[in-house]
Amino acid sequence: MISKVNIIPLLPKPLKTSYIYQIANMAKLRKAVAYRSIERPYTRRSKFKKHNFVRSSPNNLVVRYEMGNHKKKFEYTLILRTKTAIQLRHNAIEAARQSSNRVLEKDLGKVGFFMKINVYPHHILRENPLASGAGADRMSTGMKKSFGKPISIAAQLKVNQPIFTVSVDKGAIPIARAALRRVYTKIPCSCSIELIDNKEKK
């Protein structure tokens, strides 16, 4: 006689709250044109609760702000400046950092350059969530000039403000230019590259 065997189904492991939050943000991520114009004032964050205008904000995706050899004094410095006033989201800054840093480390190694991000995403972007799709007008009527919920963070840039700075020796200038051109494809604004001779500063 064959005995009955209890088959226990293997259930998938529950996702962590941080993963669920990232997946939800990936689905809702809009194009940069929706947030690049500077319209709202700064929304202040503080470690003191009474000084906070916004009580919660998304985590900053920018991992590092300084890369390479920060102890060595290089011969030349290349500065990437924006030509327009714009809001730059933290995911665009991190994507530009990874893309340009990959080029520099591949050709110059980890000690043959020094790159620095000159902006920090202080500004909190807010949005009033509304229902979309068929019959959405009956579900939610919206609210004019609503404060909204925090959805992302961004850096507010002025005209001619430096975004990225790369310091290299004379022979590595073309590689540094190529790395800064990689930033063009990741940020939604036109930029210019300025070359500075560090010897002339002395």
C-alpha atoms as a PDB file:
ATOM      1  CA  MET A   1       0.000   0.000   0.000  1.00  0.00           C
ATOM      2  CA  ILE A   2       1.368   3.398  -1.016  1.00  0.00           C
ATOM      3  CA  SER A   3       1.498   5.888   1.852  1.00  0.00           C
ATOM      4  CA  LYS A   4       0.311   9.421   1.274  1.00  0.00           C
ATOM      5  CA  VAL A   5       3.017  12.088   1.169  1.00  0.00           C
ATOM      6  CA  ASN A   6       2.220  15.658   2.124  1.00  0.00           C
ATOM      7  CA  ILE A   7       3.572  17.941  -0.575  1.00  0.00           C
ATOM      8  CA  ILE A   8       4.437  21.382   0.808  1.00  0.00           C
ATOM      9  CA  PRO A   9       4.485  24.053  -1.927  1.00  0.00           C
ATOM     10  CA  LEU A  10       7.584  26.267  -2.029  1.00  0.00           C
ATOM     11  CA  LEU A  11       6.376  29.827  -1.611  1.00  0.00           C
ATOM     12  CA  PRO A  12       8.529  32.719  -2.833  1.00  0.00           C
ATOM     13  CA  LYS A  13      10.341  34.717  -0.173  1.00  0.00           C
ATOM     14  CA  PRO A  14       8.653  38.019   0.697  1.00  0.00           C
ATOM     15  CA  LEU A  15      10.374  41.079  -0.743  1.00  0.00           C
ATOM     16  CA  LYS A  16      11.973  43.601   1.561  1.00  0.00           C
ATOM     17  CA  THR A  17      10.280  46.960   1.993  1.00  0.00           C
ATOM     18  CA  SER A  18      13.212  48.754   0.312  1.00  0.00           C
ATOM     19  CA  TYR A  19      12.931  46.519  -2.785  1.00  0.00           C
ATOM     20  CA  ILE A  20       9.186  47.133  -3.041  1.00  0.00           C
ATOM     21  CA  TYR A  21       9.818  50.889  -2.760  1.00  0.00           C
ATOM     22  CA  GLN A  22      12.445  50.759  -5.542  1.00  0.00           C
ATOM     23  CA  ILE A  23      10.179  48.708  -7.844  1.00  0.00           C
ATOM     24  CA  ALA A  24       7.307  51.153  -7.284  1.00  0.00           C
ATOM     25  CA  ASN A  25       9.603  54.101  -8.045  1.00  0.00           C
ATOM     26  CA  MET A  26      10.915  52.439 -11.222  1.00  0.00           C
ATOM     27  CA  ALA A  27       7.399  52.109 -12.566  1.00  0.00           C
ATOM     28  CA  LYS A  28       6.576  55.729 -11.716  1.00  0.00           C
ATOM     29  CA  LEU A  29       9.834  57.303 -12.890  1.00  0.00           C
ATOM     30  CA  ARG A  30       9.022  60.078 -15.323  1.00  0.00           C
ATOM     31  CA  LYS A  31      11.175  61.757 -17.946  1.00  0.00           C
ATOM     32  CA  ALA A  32      13.513  64.535 -16.881  1.00  0.00           C
ATOM     33  CA  VAL A  33      11.467  67.129 -18.811  1.00  0.00           C
ATOM     34  CA  ALA A  34       8.809  66.867 -16.089  1.00  0.00           C
ATOM     35  CA  TYR A  35      11.196  68.135 -13.391  1.00  0.00           C
ATOM     36  CA  ARG A  36      14.062  70.033 -15.030  1.00  0.00           C
ATOM     37  CA  SER A  37      12.560  73.538 -14.831  1.00  0.00           C
ATOM     38  CA  ILE A  38      13.110  75.369 -11.539  1.00  0.00           C
ATOM     39  CA  GLU A  39       9.643  76.338 -10.314  1.00  0.00           C
ATOM     40  CA  ARG A  40       9.394  75.538  -6.625  1.00  0.00           C
ATOM     41  CA  PRO A  41      11.468  76.920  -3.721  1.00  0.00           C
ATOM     42  CA  TYR A  42      13.771  74.769  -1.652  1.00  0.00           C
ATOM     43  CA  THR A  43      12.119  72.385   0.784  1.00  0.00           C
ATOM     44  CA  ARG A  44      14.212  72.388   3.882  1.00  0.00           C
ATOM     45  CA  ARG A  45      15.432  69.304   5.718  1.00  0.00           C
ATOM     46  CA  SER A  46      16.953  69.449   9.181  1.00  0.00           C
ATOM     47  CA  LYS A  47      18.008  67.070  11.940  1.00  0.00           C
ATOM     48  CA  PHE A  48      15.792  69.147  14.261  1.00  0.00           C
ATOM     49  CA  LYS A  49      12.137  68.199  13.841  1.00  0.00           C
ATOM     50  CA  LYS A  50      10.734  71.708  14.329  1.00  0.00           C
ATOM     51  CA  HIS A  51      12.916  73.101  11.521  1.00  0.00           C
ATOM     52  CA  ASN A  52      11.768  70.501   8.972  1.00  0.00           C
ATOM     53  CA  PHE A  53       9.402  71.652   6.232  1.00  0.00           C
ATOM     54  CA  VAL A  54       9.192  68.109   4.840  1.00  0.00           C
ATOM     55  CA  ARG A  55       9.253  65.294   7.389  1.00  0.00           C
ATOM     56  CA  SER A  56      10.409  62.505   5.071  1.00  0.00           C
ATOM     57  CA  SER A  57      12.480  62.312   1.889  1.00  0.00           C
ATOM     58  CA  PRO A  58      13.707  59.548  -0.465  1.00  0.00           C
ATOM     59  CA  ASN A  59      17.200  58.135   0.000  1.00  0.00           C
ATOM     60  CA  ASN A  60      20.008  59.735  -1.978  1.00  0.00           C
ATOM     61  CA  LEU A  61      21.184  57.398  -4.777  1.00  0.00           C
ATOM     62  CA  VAL A  62      24.559  59.133  -5.223  1.00  0.00           C
ATOM     63  CA  VAL A  63      27.068  56.766  -3.632  1.00  0.00           C
ATOM     64  CA  ARG A  64      30.290  58.800  -3.779  1.00  0.00           C
ATOM     65  CA  TYR A  65      31.181  62.423  -4.482  1.00  0.00           C
ATOM     66  CA  GLU A  66      34.973  62.060  -4.740  1.00  0.00           C
ATOM     67  CA  MET A  67      36.730  59.383  -6.826  1.00  0.00           C
ATOM     68  CA  GLY A  68      40.336  58.659  -7.695  1.00  0.00           C
ATOM     69  CA  ASN A  69      43.500  60.016  -6.083  1.00  0.00           C
ATOM     70  CA  HIS A  70      42.661  63.035  -3.924  1.00  0.00           C
ATOM     71  CA  LYS A  71      46.192  63.392  -2.495  1.00  0.00           C
ATOM     72  CA  LYS A  72      48.095  64.030  -5.738  1.00  0.00           C
ATOM     73  CA  LYS A  73      48.290  67.501  -7.316  1.00  0.00           C
ATOM     74  CA  PHE A  74      47.534  67.131 -11.035  1.00  0.00           C
ATOM     75  CA  GLU A  75      48.631  69.475 -13.823  1.00  0.00           C
ATOM     76  CA  TYR A  76      45.238  70.250 -15.397  1.00  0.00           C
ATOM     77  CA  THR A  77      41.612  70.473 -14.260  1.00  0.00           C
ATOM     78  CA  LEU A  78      38.580  70.084 -16.523  1.00  0.00           C
ATOM     79  CA  ILE A  79      35.307  71.582 -15.302  1.00  0.00           C
ATOM     80  CA  LEU A  80      31.903  70.659 -16.714  1.00  0.00           C
ATOM     81  CA  ARG A  81      29.517  73.635 -16.455  1.00  0.00           C
ATOM     82  CA  THR A  82      25.822  73.869 -17.244  1.00  0.00           C
ATOM     83  CA  LYS A  83      24.610  76.483 -19.750  1.00  0.00           C
ATOM     84  CA  THR A  84      21.057  76.656 -18.369  1.00  0.00           C
ATOM     85  CA  ALA A  85      19.378  76.825 -14.972  1.00  0.00           C
ATOM     86  CA  ILE A  86      18.016  73.364 -14.310  1.00  0.00           C
ATOM     87  CA  GLN A  87      16.967  70.791 -11.727  1.00  0.00           C
ATOM     88  CA  LEU A  88      19.112  67.654 -11.832  1.00  0.00           C
ATOM     89  CA  ARG A  89      17.713  64.546 -10.141  1.00  0.00           C
ATOM     90  CA  HIS A  90      19.896  62.285  -8.014  1.00  0.00           C
ATOM     91  CA  ASN A  91      19.415  59.265 -10.307  1.00  0.00           C
ATOM     92  CA  ALA A  92      20.817  61.286 -13.250  1.00  0.00           C
ATOM     93  CA  ILE A  93      23.830  62.400 -11.176  1.00  0.00           C
ATOM     94  CA  GLU A  94      24.573  58.805 -10.140  1.00  0.00           C
ATOM     95  CA  ALA A  95      24.176  57.508 -13.709  1.00  0.00           C
ATOM     96  CA  ALA A  96      26.584  60.194 -14.976  1.00  0.00           C
ATOM     97  CA  ARG A  97      29.070  59.390 -12.190  1.00  0.00           C
ATOM     98  CA  GLN A  98      29.117  55.674 -12.974  1.00  0.00           C
ATOM     99  CA  SER A  99      29.457  56.206 -16.729  1.00  0.00           C
ATOM    100  CA  SER A 100      32.308  58.733 -16.532  1.00  0.00           C
ATOM    101  CA  ASN A 101      34.121  56.961 -13.689  1.00  0.00           C
ATOM    102  CA  ARG A 102      34.136  53.718 -15.716  1.00  0.00           C
ATOM    103  CA  VAL A 103      36.004  55.448 -18.573  1.00  0.00           C
ATOM    104  CA  LEU A 104      38.568  57.043 -16.253  1.00  0.00           C
ATOM    105  CA  GLU A 105      39.304  53.893 -14.254  1.00  0.00           C
ATOM    106  CA  LYS A 106      39.607  51.760 -17.392  1.00  0.00           C
ATOM    107  CA  ASP A 107      42.253  53.973 -19.050  1.00  0.00           C
ATOM    108  CA  LEU A 108      43.975  55.708 -16.111  1.00  0.00           C
ATOM    109  CA  GLY A 109      43.538  53.294 -13.216  1.00  0.00           C
ATOM    110  CA  LYS A 110      42.255  54.248  -9.784  1.00  0.00           C
ATOM    111  CA  VAL A 111      45.118  56.637  -8.981  1.00  0.00           C
ATOM    112  CA  GLY A 112      45.634  58.422 -12.323  1.00  0.00           C
ATOM    113  CA  PHE A 113      42.867  60.997 -11.876  1.00  0.00           C
ATOM    114  CA  PHE A 114      40.670  62.804  -9.381  1.00  0.00           C
ATOM    115  CA  MET A 115      36.968  63.398 -10.069  1.00  0.00           C
ATOM    116  CA  LYS A 116      34.581  65.350  -7.869  1.00  0.00           C
ATOM    117  CA  ILE A 117      30.832  65.979  -8.033  1.00  0.00           C
ATOM    118  CA  ASN A 118      30.256  69.651  -7.188  1.00  0.00           C
ATOM    119  CA  VAL A 119      26.485  69.542  -6.643  1.00  0.00           C
ATOM    120  CA  TYR A 120      24.325  67.923  -3.968  1.00  0.00           C
ATOM    121  CA  PRO A 121      20.605  67.058  -4.338  1.00  0.00           C
ATOM    122  CA  HIS A 122      19.151  69.087  -1.456  1.00  0.00           C
ATOM    123  CA  HIS A 123      15.830  69.911  -3.098  1.00  0.00           C
ATOM    124  CA  ILE A 124      12.895  67.550  -2.446  1.00  0.00           C
ATOM    125  CA  LEU A 125      10.530  67.020  -5.389  1.00  0.00           C
ATOM    126  CA  ARG A 126       6.874  66.627  -4.442  1.00  0.00           C
ATOM    127  CA  GLU A 127       3.875  65.397  -6.368  1.00  0.00           C
ATOM    128  CA  ASN A 128       0.147  65.154  -5.711  1.00  0.00           C
ATOM    129  CA  PRO A 129      -0.745  61.583  -6.751  1.00  0.00           C
ATOM    130  CA  LEU A 130      -3.831  61.446  -8.970  1.00  0.00           C
ATOM    131  CA  ALA A 131      -5.638  58.479 -10.469  1.00  0.00           C
ATOM    132  CA  SER A 132      -5.155  57.954 -14.196  1.00  0.00           C
ATOM    133  CA  GLY A 133      -6.988  55.887 -16.758  1.00  0.00           C
ATOM    134  CA  ALA A 134     -10.639  55.349 -17.633  1.00  0.00           C
ATOM    135  CA  GLY A 135     -13.058  56.987 -15.206  1.00  0.00           C
ATOM    136  CA  ALA A 136     -10.278  58.788 -13.304  1.00  0.00           C
ATOM    137  CA  ASP A 137     -12.250  62.041 -13.224  1.00  0.00           C
ATOM    138  CA  ARG A 138     -14.857  60.407 -11.009  1.00  0.00           C
ATOM    139  CA  MET A 139     -12.247  58.893  -8.681  1.00  0.00           C
ATOM    140  CA  SER A 140     -10.228  62.015  -7.859  1.00  0.00           C
ATOM    141  CA  THR A 141     -10.827  65.680  -8.615  1.00  0.00           C
ATOM    142  CA  GLY A 142      -7.319  66.876  -7.718  1.00  0.00           C
ATOM    143  CA  MET A 143      -6.215  69.916  -5.783  1.00  0.00           C
ATOM    144  CA  LYS A 144      -4.789  73.196  -7.037  1.00  0.00           C
ATOM    145  CA  LYS A 145      -1.284  74.075  -5.741  1.00  0.00           C
ATOM    146  CA  SER A 146      -1.191  71.109  -3.395  1.00  0.00           C
ATOM    147  CA  PHE A 147       1.901  70.435  -1.287  1.00  0.00           C
ATOM    148  CA  GLY A 148       2.155  66.824  -2.475  1.00  0.00           C
ATOM    149  CA  LYS A 149       4.170  63.838  -1.278  1.00  0.00           C
ATOM    150  CA  PRO A 150       7.983  63.519  -1.607  1.00  0.00           C
ATOM    151  CA  ILE A 151       8.885  61.399  -4.638  1.00  0.00           C
ATOM    152  CA  SER A 152      12.514  62.274  -5.419  1.00  0.00           C
ATOM    153  CA  ILE A 153      15.365  64.683  -4.685  1.00  0.00           C
ATOM    154  CA  ALA A 154      17.234  66.992  -7.047  1.00  0.00           C
ATOM    155  CA  ALA A 155      19.981  69.590  -7.212  1.00  0.00           C
ATOM    156  CA  GLN A 156      18.993  73.077  -8.363  1.00  0.00           C
ATOM    157  CA  LEU A 157      21.696  74.470 -10.667  1.00  0.00           C
ATOM    158  CA  LYS A 158      22.348  78.022 -11.809  1.00  0.00           C
ATOM    159  CA  VAL A 159      23.752  79.095 -15.175  1.00  0.00           C
ATOM    160  CA  ASN A 160      27.491  78.358 -15.539  1.00  0.00           C
ATOM    161  CA  GLN A 161      27.579  76.361 -12.308  1.00  0.00           C
ATOM    162  CA  PRO A 162      30.189  73.541 -12.196  1.00  0.00           C
ATOM    163  CA  ILE A 163      28.719  70.028 -12.029  1.00  0.00           C
ATOM    164  CA  PHE A 164      31.708  67.682 -12.417  1.00  0.00           C
ATOM    165  CA  THR A 165      35.431  68.400 -11.976  1.00  0.00           C
ATOM    166  CA  VAL A 166      38.194  66.097 -13.263  1.00  0.00           C
ATOM    167  CA  SER A 167      41.891  66.649 -12.481  1.00  0.00           C
ATOM    168  CA  VAL A 168      44.494  64.839 -14.641  1.00  0.00           C
ATOM    169  CA  ASP A 169      47.991  65.221 -16.053  1.00  0.00           C
ATOM    170  CA  LYS A 170      48.664  66.594 -19.548  1.00  0.00           C
ATOM    171  CA  GLY A 171      48.712  63.242 -21.360  1.00  0.00           C
ATOM    172  CA  ALA A 172      45.305  62.237 -19.970  1.00  0.00           C
ATOM    173  CA  ILE A 173      43.351  65.320 -21.092  1.00  0.00           C
ATOM    174  CA  PRO A 174      41.638  63.551 -24.073  1.00  0.00           C
ATOM    175  CA  ILE A 175      40.488  60.728 -21.773  1.00  0.00           C
ATOM    176  CA  ALA A 176      39.094  63.229 -19.253  1.00  0.00           C
ATOM    177  CA  ARG A 177      37.217  65.013 -22.053  1.00  0.00           C
ATOM    178  CA  ALA A 178      35.744  61.710 -23.226  1.00  0.00           C
ATOM    179  CA  ALA A 179      34.636  60.936 -19.673  1.00  0.00           C
ATOM    180  CA  LEU A 180      32.905  64.311 -19.320  1.00  0.00           C
ATOM    181  CA  ARG A 181      31.197  63.810 -22.689  1.00  0.00           C
ATOM    182  CA  ARG A 182      29.636  60.680 -21.203  1.00  0.00           C
ATOM    183  CA  VAL A 183      27.920  62.972 -18.707  1.00  0.00           C
ATOM    184  CA  TYR A 184      26.164  64.759 -21.624  1.00  0.00           C
ATOM    185  CA  THR A 185      24.087  61.665 -22.342  1.00  0.00           C
ATOM    186  CA  LYS A 186      22.923  61.326 -18.727  1.00  0.00           C
ATOM    187  CA  ILE A 187      21.854  64.863 -17.835  1.00  0.00           C
ATOM    188  CA  PRO A 188      19.065  66.875 -19.541  1.00  0.00           C
ATOM    189  CA  CYS A 189      20.960  70.103 -20.302  1.00  0.00           C
ATOM    190  CA  SER A 190      23.640  71.516 -22.585  1.00  0.00           C
ATOM    191  CA  CYS A 191      27.075  71.892 -21.003  1.00  0.00           C
ATOM    192  CA  SER A 192      30.531  73.296 -21.665  1.00  0.00           C
ATOM    193  CA  ILE A 193      33.982  71.970 -20.698  1.00  0.00           C
ATOM    194  CA  GLU A 194      36.552  74.422 -19.312  1.00  0.00           C
ATOM    195  CA  LEU A 195      40.264  73.541 -19.171  1.00  0.00           C
ATOM    196  CA  ILE A 196      42.353  75.113 -16.393  1.00  0.00           C
ATOM    197  CA  ASP A 197      46.141  74.917 -16.058  1.00  0.00           C
ATOM    198  CA  ASN A 198      46.915  74.405 -12.383  1.00  0.00           C
ATOM    199  CA  LYS A 199      50.491  75.684 -12.847  1.00  0.00           C
ATOM    200  CA  GLU A 200      49.203  79.155 -13.782  1.00  0.00           C
ATOM    201  CA  LYS A 201      47.314  79.394 -10.500  1.00  0.00           C
ATOM    202  CA  LYS A 202      50.623  79.399  -8.615  1.00  0.00           C
END
